[in-house]
PDB file of all heavy atoms in Angstrom:
ATOM      1  N   ALA A   1      -7.933  -0.014 -11.788  1.00  0.00           N
ATOM      2  CA  ALA A   1      -6.981   0.264 -12.869  1.00  0.00           C
ATOM      3  C   ALA A   1      -5.631   0.697 -12.304  1.00  0.00           C
ATOM      4  O   ALA A   1      -4.569   0.288 -12.788  1.00  0.00           O
ATOM      5  CB  ALA A   1      -7.533   1.322 -13.806  1.00  0.00           C
ATOM      6  N   ALA A   2      -5.646   1.535 -11.257  1.00  0.00           N
ATOM      7  CA  ALA A   2      -4.394   1.982 -10.638  1.00  0.00           C
ATOM      8  C   ALA A   2      -3.672   0.803  -9.993  1.00  0.00           C
ATOM      9  O   ALA A   2      -2.442   0.675 -10.102  1.00  0.00           O
ATOM     10  CB  ALA A   2      -4.685   3.070  -9.603  1.00  0.00           C
ATOM     11  N   ASP A   3      -4.421  -0.066  -9.332  1.00  0.00           N
ATOM     12  CA  ASP A   3      -3.815  -1.259  -8.738  1.00  0.00           C
ATOM     13  C   ASP A   3      -3.191  -2.141  -9.825  1.00  0.00           C
ATOM     14  O   ASP A   3      -2.060  -2.603  -9.671  1.00  0.00           O
ATOM     15  CB  ASP A   3      -4.867  -2.070  -7.978  1.00  0.00           C
ATOM     16  CG  ASP A   3      -5.177  -1.509  -6.600  1.00  0.00           C
ATOM     17  OD1 ASP A   3      -4.423  -0.639  -6.111  1.00  0.00           O
ATOM     18  OD2 ASP A   3      -6.180  -1.964  -5.999  1.00  0.00           O
ATOM     19  N   ALA A   4      -3.928  -2.369 -10.871  1.00  0.00           N
ATOM     20  CA  ALA A   4      -3.427  -3.217 -11.963  1.00  0.00           C
ATOM     21  C   ALA A   4      -2.138  -2.647 -12.544  1.00  0.00           C
ATOM     22  O   ALA A   4      -1.193  -3.378 -12.811  1.00  0.00           O
ATOM     23  CB  ALA A   4      -4.477  -3.382 -13.048  1.00  0.00           C
ATOM     24  N   ALA A   5      -2.095  -1.332 -12.722  1.00  0.00           N
ATOM     25  CA  ALA A   5      -0.898  -0.686 -13.275  1.00  0.00           C
ATOM     26  C   ALA A   5       0.276  -0.868 -12.316  1.00  0.00           C
ATOM     27  O   ALA A   5       1.398  -1.147 -12.739  1.00  0.00           O
ATOM     28  CB  ALA A   5      -1.157   0.786 -13.515  1.00  0.00           C
ATOM     29  N   THR A   6       0.021  -0.739 -11.034  1.00  0.00           N
ATOM     30  CA  THR A   6       1.085  -0.909 -10.039  1.00  0.00           C
ATOM     31  C   THR A   6       1.606  -2.329 -10.041  1.00  0.00           C
ATOM     32  O   THR A   6       2.815  -2.555 -10.082  1.00  0.00           O
ATOM     33  CB  THR A   6       0.560  -0.538  -8.642  1.00  0.00           C
ATOM     34  OG1 THR A   6       0.134   0.820  -8.632  1.00  0.00           O
ATOM     35  CG2 THR A   6       1.630  -0.724  -7.579  1.00  0.00           C
ATOM     36  N   PHE A   7       0.688  -3.281 -10.022  1.00  0.00           N
ATOM     37  CA  PHE A   7       1.082  -4.681  -9.934  1.00  0.00           C
ATOM     38  C   PHE A   7       1.748  -5.182 -11.210  1.00  0.00           C
ATOM     39  O   PHE A   7       2.750  -5.885 -11.163  1.00  0.00           O
ATOM     40  CB  PHE A   7      -0.119  -5.570  -9.621  1.00  0.00           C
ATOM     41  CG  PHE A   7      -0.877  -5.153  -8.385  1.00  0.00           C
ATOM     42  CD1 PHE A   7      -2.241  -5.379  -8.299  1.00  0.00           C
ATOM     43  CD2 PHE A   7      -0.258  -4.565  -7.306  1.00  0.00           C
ATOM     44  CE1 PHE A   7      -2.960  -5.017  -7.177  1.00  0.00           C
ATOM     45  CE2 PHE A   7      -0.967  -4.183  -6.180  1.00  0.00           C
ATOM     46  CZ  PHE A   7      -2.314  -4.422  -6.110  1.00  0.00           C
ATOM     47  N   GLU A   8       1.213  -4.795 -12.352  1.00  0.00           N
ATOM     48  CA  GLU A   8       1.669  -5.363 -13.637  1.00  0.00           C
ATOM     49  C   GLU A   8       2.794  -4.564 -14.277  1.00  0.00           C
ATOM     50  O   GLU A   8       3.815  -5.112 -14.665  1.00  0.00           O
ATOM     51  CB  GLU A   8       0.502  -5.464 -14.583  1.00  0.00           C
ATOM     52  CG  GLU A   8      -0.556  -6.451 -14.110  1.00  0.00           C
ATOM     53  CD  GLU A   8      -1.846  -6.358 -14.895  1.00  0.00           C
ATOM     54  OE1 GLU A   8      -1.852  -5.758 -15.986  1.00  0.00           O
ATOM     55  OE2 GLU A   8      -2.862  -6.889 -14.405  1.00  0.00           O
ATOM     56  N   ARG A   9       2.620  -3.275 -14.400  1.00  0.00           N
ATOM     57  CA  ARG A   9       3.631  -2.474 -15.111  1.00  0.00           C
ATOM     58  C   ARG A   9       4.842  -2.161 -14.256  1.00  0.00           C
ATOM     59  O   ARG A   9       5.958  -2.125 -14.750  1.00  0.00           O
ATOM     60  CB  ARG A   9       3.003  -1.187 -15.624  1.00  0.00           C
ATOM     61  CG  ARG A   9       2.125  -1.417 -16.843  1.00  0.00           C
ATOM     62  CD  ARG A   9       1.661  -0.130 -17.386  1.00  0.00           C
ATOM     63  NE  ARG A   9       0.439   0.225 -16.640  1.00  0.00           N
ATOM     64  CZ  ARG A   9      -0.514   1.001 -17.102  1.00  0.00           C
ATOM     65  NH1 ARG A   9      -0.394   1.573 -18.287  1.00  0.00           N
ATOM     66  NH2 ARG A   9      -1.572   1.252 -16.405  1.00  0.00           N
ATOM     67  N   LEU A  10       4.638  -1.899 -12.978  1.00  0.00           N
ATOM     68  CA  LEU A  10       5.758  -1.569 -12.102  1.00  0.00           C
ATOM     69  C   LEU A  10       6.341  -2.793 -11.397  1.00  0.00           C
ATOM     70  O   LEU A  10       7.336  -2.675 -10.701  1.00  0.00           O
ATOM     71  CB  LEU A  10       5.333  -0.523 -11.068  1.00  0.00           C
ATOM     72  CG  LEU A  10       4.821   0.806 -11.629  1.00  0.00           C
ATOM     73  CD1 LEU A  10       4.378   1.729 -10.505  1.00  0.00           C
ATOM     74  CD2 LEU A  10       5.892   1.467 -12.479  1.00  0.00           C
ATOM     75  N   LEU A  11       5.692  -3.921 -11.596  1.00  0.00           N
ATOM     76  CA  LEU A  11       6.150  -5.196 -11.011  1.00  0.00           C
ATOM     77  C   LEU A  11       6.260  -5.151  -9.490  1.00  0.00           C
ATOM     78  O   LEU A  11       7.144  -5.771  -8.905  1.00  0.00           O
ATOM     79  CB  LEU A  11       7.492  -5.619 -11.636  1.00  0.00           C
ATOM     80  CG  LEU A  11       7.461  -5.801 -13.162  1.00  0.00           C
ATOM     81  CD1 LEU A  11       8.857  -6.134 -13.653  1.00  0.00           C
ATOM     82  CD2 LEU A  11       6.456  -6.859 -13.569  1.00  0.00           C
ATOM     83  N   ILE A  12       5.347  -4.439  -8.870  1.00  0.00           N
ATOM     84  CA  ILE A  12       5.289  -4.396  -7.417  1.00  0.00           C
ATOM     85  C   ILE A  12       4.204  -5.382  -6.994  1.00  0.00           C
ATOM     86  O   ILE A  12       3.048  -5.242  -7.376  1.00  0.00           O
ATOM     87  CB  ILE A  12       4.948  -2.978  -6.891  1.00  0.00           C
ATOM     88  CG1 ILE A  12       6.055  -2.014  -7.298  1.00  0.00           C
ATOM     89  CG2 ILE A  12       4.773  -2.999  -5.379  1.00  0.00           C
ATOM     90  CD1 ILE A  12       5.757  -0.565  -6.965  1.00  0.00           C
ATOM     91  N   PRO A  13       4.559  -6.403  -6.216  1.00  0.00           N
ATOM     92  CA  PRO A  13       3.555  -7.405  -5.826  1.00  0.00           C
ATOM     93  C   PRO A  13       2.437  -6.797  -4.990  1.00  0.00           C
ATOM     94  O   PRO A  13       2.665  -5.895  -4.178  1.00  0.00           O
ATOM     95  CB  PRO A  13       4.371  -8.398  -4.985  1.00  0.00           C
ATOM     96  CG  PRO A  13       5.785  -8.150  -5.357  1.00  0.00           C
ATOM     97  CD  PRO A  13       5.899  -6.705  -5.726  1.00  0.00           C
ATOM     98  N   SER A  14       1.234  -7.313  -5.174  1.00  0.00           N
ATOM     99  CA  SER A  14       0.074  -6.782  -4.426  1.00  0.00           C
ATOM    100  C   SER A  14       0.267  -6.912  -2.934  1.00  0.00           C
ATOM    101  O   SER A  14      -0.183  -6.055  -2.171  1.00  0.00           O
ATOM    102  CB  SER A  14      -1.202  -7.488  -4.872  1.00  0.00           C
ATOM    103  OG  SER A  14      -1.135  -8.878  -4.587  1.00  0.00           O
ATOM    104  N   ARG A  15       0.943  -7.945  -2.493  1.00  0.00           N
ATOM    105  CA  ARG A  15       1.186  -8.135  -1.042  1.00  0.00           C
ATOM    106  C   ARG A  15       2.026  -6.991  -0.471  1.00  0.00           C
ATOM    107  O   ARG A  15       1.810  -6.516   0.635  1.00  0.00           O
ATOM    108  CB  ARG A  15       1.867  -9.469  -0.808  1.00  0.00           C
ATOM    109  CG  ARG A  15       2.233  -9.684   0.645  1.00  0.00           C
ATOM    110  CD  ARG A  15       2.445 -11.110   0.947  1.00  0.00           C
ATOM    111  NE  ARG A  15       1.212 -11.546   1.592  1.00  0.00           N
ATOM    112  CZ  ARG A  15       0.753 -12.751   1.635  1.00  0.00           C
ATOM    113  NH1 ARG A  15       1.394 -13.714   1.052  1.00  0.00           N
ATOM    114  NH2 ARG A  15      -0.353 -13.037   2.263  1.00  0.00           N
ATOM    115  N   VAL A  16       3.002  -6.506  -1.242  1.00  0.00           N
ATOM    116  CA  VAL A  16       3.851  -5.386  -0.802  1.00  0.00           C
ATOM    117  C   VAL A  16       2.995  -4.123  -0.677  1.00  0.00           C
ATOM    118  O   VAL A  16       3.107  -3.363   0.290  1.00  0.00           O
ATOM    119  CB  VAL A  16       5.036  -5.177  -1.756  1.00  0.00           C
ATOM    120  CG1 VAL A  16       5.782  -3.883  -1.447  1.00  0.00           C
ATOM    121  CG2 VAL A  16       5.969  -6.359  -1.705  1.00  0.00           C
ATOM    122  N   VAL A  17       2.145  -3.889  -1.659  1.00  0.00           N
ATOM    123  CA  VAL A  17       1.266  -2.694  -1.633  1.00  0.00           C
ATOM    124  C   VAL A  17       0.322  -2.790  -0.430  1.00  0.00           C
ATOM    125  O   VAL A  17       0.125  -1.816   0.287  1.00  0.00           O
ATOM    126  CB  VAL A  17       0.469  -2.583  -2.952  1.00  0.00           C
ATOM    127  CG1 VAL A  17      -0.560  -1.463  -2.873  1.00  0.00           C
ATOM    128  CG2 VAL A  17       1.416  -2.366  -4.112  1.00  0.00           C
ATOM    129  N   MET A  18      -0.213  -3.977  -0.171  1.00  0.00           N
ATOM    130  CA  MET A  18      -1.119  -4.175   0.957  1.00  0.00           C
ATOM    131  C   MET A  18      -0.406  -3.917   2.295  1.00  0.00           C
ATOM    132  O   MET A  18      -0.947  -3.233   3.170  1.00  0.00           O
ATOM    133  CB  MET A  18      -1.685  -5.593   0.933  1.00  0.00           C
ATOM    134  CG  MET A  18      -2.645  -5.913   2.040  1.00  0.00           C
ATOM    135  SD  MET A  18      -3.353  -7.561   1.890  1.00  0.00           S
ATOM    136  CE  MET A  18      -1.908  -8.591   1.946  1.00  0.00           C
ATOM    137  N   GLU A  19       0.795  -4.454   2.453  1.00  0.00           N
ATOM    138  CA  GLU A  19       1.552  -4.236   3.677  1.00  0.00           C
ATOM    139  C   GLU A  19       1.855  -2.751   3.876  1.00  0.00           C
ATOM    140  O   GLU A  19       1.711  -2.229   4.980  1.00  0.00           O
ATOM    141  CB  GLU A  19       2.858  -5.025   3.648  1.00  0.00           C
ATOM    142  CG  GLU A  19       2.683  -6.520   3.798  1.00  0.00           C
ATOM    143  CD  GLU A  19       2.286  -6.943   5.202  1.00  0.00           C
ATOM    144  OE1 GLU A  19       2.640  -6.267   6.175  1.00  0.00           O
ATOM    145  OE2 GLU A  19       1.618  -7.978   5.320  1.00  0.00           O
ATOM    146  N   ASN A  20       2.268  -2.083   2.821  1.00  0.00           N
ATOM    147  CA  ASN A  20       2.574  -0.651   2.915  1.00  0.00           C
ATOM    148  C   ASN A  20       1.338   0.162   3.273  1.00  0.00           C
ATOM    149  O   ASN A  20       1.402   1.059   4.106  1.00  0.00           O
ATOM    150  CB  ASN A  20       3.181  -0.143   1.623  1.00  0.00           C
ATOM    151  CG  ASN A  20       4.592  -0.657   1.403  1.00  0.00           C
ATOM    152  OD1 ASN A  20       5.269  -1.070   2.327  1.00  0.00           O
ATOM    153  ND2 ASN A  20       5.044  -0.652   0.164  1.00  0.00           N
ATOM    154  N   ALA A  21       0.219  -0.159   2.639  1.00  0.00           N
ATOM    155  CA  ALA A  21      -1.031   0.566   2.936  1.00  0.00           C
ATOM    156  C   ALA A  21      -1.433   0.381   4.395  1.00  0.00           C
ATOM    157  O   ALA A  21      -1.781   1.344   5.091  1.00  0.00           O
ATOM    158  CB  ALA A  21      -2.156   0.095   2.013  1.00  0.00           C
ATOM    159  N   GLY A  22      -1.384  -0.845   4.863  1.00  0.00           N
ATOM    160  CA  GLY A  22      -1.756  -1.119   6.252  1.00  0.00           C
ATOM    161  C   GLY A  22      -0.859  -0.404   7.241  1.00  0.00           C
ATOM    162  O   GLY A  22      -1.313   0.170   8.232  1.00  0.00           O
ATOM    163  N   ARG A  23       0.445  -0.431   6.994  1.00  0.00           N
ATOM    164  CA  ARG A  23       1.378   0.237   7.904  1.00  0.00           C
ATOM    165  C   ARG A  23       1.189   1.751   7.890  1.00  0.00           C
ATOM    166  O   ARG A  23       1.354   2.424   8.915  1.00  0.00           O
ATOM    167  CB  ARG A  23       2.808  -0.132   7.555  1.00  0.00           C
ATOM    168  CG  ARG A  23       3.177  -1.520   8.070  1.00  0.00           C
ATOM    169  CD  ARG A  23       4.678  -1.734   8.052  1.00  0.00           C
ATOM    170  NE  ARG A  23       5.234  -1.619   6.726  1.00  0.00           N
ATOM    171  CZ  ARG A  23       5.425  -2.628   5.886  1.00  0.00           C
ATOM    172  NH1 ARG A  23       5.127  -3.841   6.254  1.00  0.00           N
ATOM    173  NH2 ARG A  23       5.942  -2.426   4.704  1.00  0.00           N
ATOM    174  N   GLU A  24       0.845   2.322   6.734  1.00  0.00           N
ATOM    175  CA  GLU A  24       0.599   3.768   6.670  1.00  0.00           C
ATOM    176  C   GLU A  24      -0.656   4.130   7.461  1.00  0.00           C
ATOM    177  O   GLU A  24      -0.723   5.192   8.088  1.00  0.00           O
ATOM    178  CB  GLU A  24       0.489   4.237   5.218  1.00  0.00           C
ATOM    179  CG  GLU A  24       1.828   4.339   4.537  1.00  0.00           C
ATOM    180  CD  GLU A  24       2.777   5.299   5.242  1.00  0.00           C
ATOM    181  OE1 GLU A  24       2.386   6.454   5.514  1.00  0.00           O
ATOM    182  OE2 GLU A  24       3.916   4.892   5.545  1.00  0.00           O
ATOM    183  N   VAL A  25      -1.668   3.271   7.437  1.00  0.00           N
ATOM    184  CA  VAL A  25      -2.870   3.515   8.247  1.00  0.00           C
ATOM    185  C   VAL A  25      -2.502   3.521   9.728  1.00  0.00           C
ATOM    186  O   VAL A  25      -2.928   4.380  10.493  1.00  0.00           O
ATOM    187  CB  VAL A  25      -3.971   2.484   7.952  1.00  0.00           C
ATOM    188  CG1 VAL A  25      -5.113   2.576   8.964  1.00  0.00           C
ATOM    189  CG2 VAL A  25      -4.509   2.679   6.543  1.00  0.00           C
ATOM    190  N   VAL A  26      -1.683   2.572  10.133  1.00  0.00           N
ATOM    191  CA  VAL A  26      -1.246   2.511  11.532  1.00  0.00           C
ATOM    192  C   VAL A  26      -0.454   3.775  11.886  1.00  0.00           C
ATOM    193  O   VAL A  26      -0.660   4.371  12.965  1.00  0.00           O
ATOM    194  CB  VAL A  26      -0.400   1.243  11.792  1.00  0.00           C
ATOM    195  CG1 VAL A  26       0.251   1.298  13.178  1.00  0.00           C
ATOM    196  CG2 VAL A  26      -1.280   0.005  11.677  1.00  0.00           C
ATOM    197  N   ARG A  27       0.419   4.185  11.016  1.00  0.00           N
ATOM    198  CA  ARG A  27       1.203   5.422  11.265  1.00  0.00           C
ATOM    199  C   ARG A  27       0.257   6.603  11.448  1.00  0.00           C
ATOM    200  O   ARG A  27       0.430   7.410  12.390  1.00  0.00           O
ATOM    201  CB  ARG A  27       2.167   5.681  10.120  1.00  0.00           C
ATOM    202  CG  ARG A  27       3.108   6.861  10.362  1.00  0.00           C
ATOM    203  CD  ARG A  27       4.039   7.109   9.190  1.00  0.00           C
ATOM    204  NE  ARG A  27       3.328   7.489   7.976  1.00  0.00           N
ATOM    205  CZ  ARG A  27       2.797   8.702   7.758  1.00  0.00           C
ATOM    206  NH1 ARG A  27       2.890   9.636   8.655  1.00  0.00           N
ATOM    207  NH2 ARG A  27       2.181   8.953   6.624  1.00  0.00           N
ATOM    208  N   PHE A  28      -0.751   6.704  10.609  1.00  0.00           N
ATOM    209  CA  PHE A  28      -1.727   7.791  10.711  1.00  0.00           C
ATOM    210  C   PHE A  28      -2.454   7.739  12.048  1.00  0.00           C
ATOM    211  O   PHE A  28      -2.619   8.744  12.729  1.00  0.00           O
ATOM    212  CB  PHE A  28      -2.737   7.686   9.543  1.00  0.00           C
ATOM    213  CG  PHE A  28      -3.827   8.697   9.607  1.00  0.00           C
ATOM    214  CD1 PHE A  28      -3.648   9.959   9.091  1.00  0.00           C
ATOM    215  CD2 PHE A  28      -5.047   8.378  10.182  1.00  0.00           C
ATOM    216  CE1 PHE A  28      -4.669  10.906   9.151  1.00  0.00           C
ATOM    217  CE2 PHE A  28      -6.066   9.306  10.239  1.00  0.00           C
ATOM    218  CZ  PHE A  28      -5.875  10.584   9.733  1.00  0.00           C
ATOM    219  N   ILE A  29      -2.885   6.553  12.439  1.00  0.00           N
ATOM    220  CA  ILE A  29      -3.595   6.392  13.713  1.00  0.00           C
ATOM    221  C   ILE A  29      -2.684   6.811  14.873  1.00  0.00           C
ATOM    222  O   ILE A  29      -3.121   7.513  15.801  1.00  0.00           O
ATOM    223  CB  ILE A  29      -4.082   4.949  13.904  1.00  0.00           C
ATOM    224  CG1 ILE A  29      -5.174   4.633  12.883  1.00  0.00           C
ATOM    225  CG2 ILE A  29      -4.569   4.697  15.319  1.00  0.00           C
ATOM    226  CD1 ILE A  29      -5.529   3.145  12.808  1.00  0.00           C
ATOM    227  N   LEU A  30      -1.428   6.365  14.846  1.00  0.00           N
ATOM    228  CA  LEU A  30      -0.500   6.699  15.919  1.00  0.00           C
ATOM    229  C   LEU A  30      -0.236   8.194  16.012  1.00  0.00           C
ATOM    230  O   LEU A  30      -0.092   8.738  17.105  1.00  0.00           O
ATOM    231  CB  LEU A  30       0.816   5.946  15.736  1.00  0.00           C
ATOM    232  CG  LEU A  30       0.778   4.448  15.957  1.00  0.00           C
ATOM    233  CD1 LEU A  30       2.076   3.796  15.519  1.00  0.00           C
ATOM    234  CD2 LEU A  30       0.479   4.139  17.413  1.00  0.00           C
ATOM    235  N   GLU A  31      -0.167   8.857  14.872  1.00  0.00           N
ATOM    236  CA  GLU A  31       0.088  10.299  14.859  1.00  0.00           C
ATOM    237  C   GLU A  31      -1.143  11.094  15.305  1.00  0.00           C
ATOM    238  O   GLU A  31      -1.011  12.086  16.031  1.00  0.00           O
ATOM    239  CB  GLU A  31       0.483  10.758  13.464  1.00  0.00           C
ATOM    240  CG  GLU A  31       1.887  10.359  13.071  1.00  0.00           C
ATOM    241  CD  GLU A  31       2.243  10.810  11.668  1.00  0.00           C
ATOM    242  OE1 GLU A  31       1.410  11.444  10.986  1.00  0.00           O
ATOM    243  OE2 GLU A  31       3.367  10.491  11.221  1.00  0.00           O
ATOM    244  N   ARG A  32      -2.301  10.723  14.855  1.00  0.00           N
ATOM    245  CA  ARG A  32      -3.505  11.511  15.105  1.00  0.00           C
ATOM    246  C   ARG A  32      -4.266  11.132  16.364  1.00  0.00           C
ATOM    247  O   ARG A  32      -4.900  11.974  16.975  1.00  0.00           O
ATOM    248  CB  ARG A  32      -4.471  11.379  13.910  1.00  0.00           C
ATOM    249  CG  ARG A  32      -3.955  11.937  12.628  1.00  0.00           C
ATOM    250  CD  ARG A  32      -4.296  13.420  12.511  1.00  0.00           C
ATOM    251  NE  ARG A  32      -3.788  13.957  11.261  1.00  0.00           N
ATOM    252  CZ  ARG A  32      -4.532  14.336  10.252  1.00  0.00           C
ATOM    253  NH1 ARG A  32      -5.831  14.250  10.309  1.00  0.00           N
ATOM    254  NH2 ARG A  32      -3.963  14.823   9.165  1.00  0.00           N
ATOM    255  N   TYR A  33      -4.269   9.855  16.721  1.00  0.00           N
ATOM    256  CA  TYR A  33      -5.126   9.376  17.801  1.00  0.00           C
ATOM    257  C   TYR A  33      -4.406   8.470  18.808  1.00  0.00           C
ATOM    258  O   TYR A  33      -4.931   7.427  19.194  1.00  0.00           O
ATOM    259  CB  TYR A  33      -6.318   8.609  17.217  1.00  0.00           C
ATOM    260  CG  TYR A  33      -7.053   9.378  16.170  1.00  0.00           C
ATOM    261  CD1 TYR A  33      -6.918   9.061  14.818  1.00  0.00           C
ATOM    262  CD2 TYR A  33      -7.898  10.442  16.506  1.00  0.00           C
ATOM    263  CE1 TYR A  33      -7.587   9.767  13.831  1.00  0.00           C
ATOM    264  CE2 TYR A  33      -8.562  11.160  15.527  1.00  0.00           C
ATOM    265  CZ  TYR A  33      -8.408  10.811  14.199  1.00  0.00           C
ATOM    266  OH  TYR A  33      -9.064  11.520  13.240  1.00  0.00           O
TER     267      TYR A  33
END
């Protein structure tokens, strides 16, 4: 439901959300490990 709201109501493409999520995971890994 949160994804649907982001994609549909805020008009943020799912690909942009996916890229941001992946890059944030990498940032976390680089900071912690």
